[in-house]
Amino acid sequence: MPASFKQIVLDSAFITFQVGNDPSQTLKIEYYSRRTTNKTIFTVFDLQQFAAVDVEGAKKGVLDLDKMLVNLIKDWDFYEDDDYTIKVPITEERFANIDINIRAEILAAITRNARGPEA
C-alpha cells in the first residue's frame, strides 16, 4: 500500500532526558518524528549563535523556536502543578514563559534522537 505524506508525518517517537541538575527530574516527550527537517537542524545551530545575533534576530529566532516546538511536540509529562494533574500546554503563548535553555534542550534532544545513534 502506498504511503501519503500526511500519514507519514503523524509517526511519533519518544525521548526522555534529564532537566536541570537533579537526575530524578526527567521530561518524557512524544514528538512527531517525521517533522524533523533541515529547518529543525538549522534552528539548533542558530540557537548556539544567539550571543552573536542582533536583538531583532534573536527575537525572531525565539519565536521560530516556539512555533517549531508546537509543531514537533505531540505530548509530554511536563506539569504545571506538583500533583501532576495539569499539563503545561503545548502552545506558543506558554512557551514564552518557559526558560529558553529548557526549550533549546528540548529541541536539541529531539534532533539528536531523530538523527539516530550514528549521528
Protein backbone atom coordinates (compact mmCIF):
# COMPACT_ATOMS: atom_id res chain seq x y z
CA MET A 1 0.00 0.00 0.00
CA PRO A 2 1.42 3.42 -0.87
CA ALA A 3 2.10 5.99 1.84
CA SER A 4 0.97 9.59 1.90
CA PHE A 5 2.93 12.48 3.28
CA LYS A 6 0.06 13.24 5.67
CA GLN A 7 0.23 9.70 7.11
CA ILE A 8 3.99 9.67 7.46
CA VAL A 9 4.24 12.98 9.35
CA LEU A 10 1.96 11.55 12.05
CA ASP A 11 4.61 8.98 13.06
CA SER A 12 5.81 9.62 16.57
CA ALA A 13 8.74 8.74 18.80
CA PHE A 14 9.64 9.23 22.46
CA ILE A 15 12.55 10.83 24.25
CA THR A 16 13.27 11.08 27.95
CA PHE A 17 16.00 13.31 29.29
CA GLN A 18 17.15 14.94 32.50
CA VAL A 19 16.06 18.51 33.13
CA GLY A 20 18.18 20.58 35.48
CA ASN A 21 20.73 19.25 37.95
CA ASP A 22 18.54 16.70 39.73
CA PRO A 23 18.82 13.28 38.00
CA SER A 24 15.33 12.37 39.23
CA GLN A 25 13.79 15.24 37.25
CA THR A 26 13.18 13.92 33.78
CA LEU A 27 10.95 15.01 30.97
CA LYS A 28 9.32 12.45 28.66
CA ILE A 29 8.20 13.82 25.31
CA GLU A 30 6.30 12.21 22.48
CA TYR A 31 7.12 14.05 19.29
CA TYR A 32 6.30 13.82 15.61
CA SER A 33 9.49 12.14 14.43
CA ARG A 34 8.93 12.76 10.73
CA ARG A 35 8.60 16.51 11.24
CA THR A 36 12.29 16.99 11.97
CA THR A 37 13.53 18.73 8.85
CA ASN A 38 16.52 20.72 7.67
CA LYS A 39 14.92 23.78 9.27
CA THR A 40 14.84 21.95 12.61
CA ILE A 41 18.55 21.14 12.38
CA PHE A 42 19.43 24.70 11.31
CA THR A 43 17.43 26.13 14.23
CA VAL A 44 19.53 24.09 16.67
CA PHE A 45 22.69 25.55 15.14
CA ASP A 46 21.20 29.05 15.13
CA LEU A 47 20.37 28.79 18.85
CA GLN A 48 24.04 28.22 19.56
CA GLN A 49 24.80 31.55 17.88
CA PHE A 50 22.32 33.74 19.85
CA ALA A 51 25.08 35.66 21.60
CA ALA A 52 26.38 36.97 18.27
CA VAL A 53 22.96 37.90 16.88
CA ASP A 54 21.32 41.31 16.99
CA VAL A 55 18.29 41.76 19.26
CA GLU A 56 15.72 41.58 16.45
CA GLY A 57 17.35 38.46 15.04
CA ALA A 58 17.32 36.87 18.49
CA LYS A 59 13.61 37.70 18.94
CA LYS A 60 12.76 36.13 15.59
CA GLY A 61 14.82 33.05 16.47
CA VAL A 62 12.98 32.55 19.75
CA LEU A 63 9.58 32.94 18.10
CA ASP A 64 10.60 30.46 15.40
CA LEU A 65 11.76 28.04 18.10
CA ASP A 66 8.41 28.24 19.88
CA LYS A 67 6.48 27.60 16.64
CA MET A 68 8.74 24.69 15.82
CA LEU A 69 8.27 23.09 19.25
CA VAL A 70 4.48 23.40 18.97
CA ASN A 71 4.70 21.65 15.60
CA LEU A 72 7.02 18.89 16.86
CA ILE A 73 5.69 18.00 20.33
CA LYS A 74 2.68 15.71 20.40
CA ASP A 75 2.52 15.16 24.18
CA TRP A 76 4.71 15.33 27.28
CA ASP A 77 4.79 14.73 31.02
CA PHE A 78 5.55 18.36 31.93
CA TYR A 79 3.14 19.59 34.61
CA GLU A 80 2.12 22.96 35.99
CA ASP A 81 1.47 21.58 39.47
CA ASP A 82 3.25 19.36 41.98
CA ASP A 83 0.31 16.91 42.00
CA TYR A 84 0.95 16.19 38.30
CA THR A 85 -2.65 16.85 37.27
CA ILE A 86 -2.35 19.88 34.96
CA LYS A 87 -0.04 19.51 31.97
CA VAL A 88 1.83 22.52 30.67
CA PRO A 89 0.00 23.40 27.44
CA ILE A 90 1.94 22.97 24.21
CA THR A 91 1.33 26.48 22.88
CA GLU A 92 3.49 29.36 21.73
CA GLU A 93 1.97 31.53 24.44
CA ARG A 94 3.01 29.11 27.20
CA PHE A 95 6.47 28.56 25.73
CA ALA A 96 7.08 32.30 26.03
CA ASN A 97 7.20 31.77 29.81
CA ILE A 98 9.43 28.69 29.83
CA ASP A 99 13.17 29.19 30.21
CA ILE A 100 14.87 29.48 26.81
CA ASN A 101 17.50 26.95 27.89
CA ILE A 102 14.84 24.32 28.55
CA ARG A 103 13.24 24.98 25.16
CA ALA A 104 16.63 24.72 23.45
CA GLU A 105 17.38 21.48 25.35
CA ILE A 106 14.08 20.01 24.17
CA LEU A 107 14.76 20.86 20.53
CA ALA A 108 18.33 19.56 20.74
CA ALA A 109 17.17 16.28 22.35
CA ILE A 110 14.52 15.77 19.66
CA THR A 111 17.05 16.50 16.93
CA ARG A 112 19.66 14.11 18.39
CA ASN A 113 17.07 11.36 18.72
CA ALA A 114 15.69 11.91 15.22
CA ARG A 115 19.15 11.70 13.67
CA GLY A 116 19.72 8.33 15.32
CA PRO A 117 22.66 6.75 17.13
CA GLU A 118 25.09 7.17 14.23
CA ALA A 119 24.75 10.96 14.31
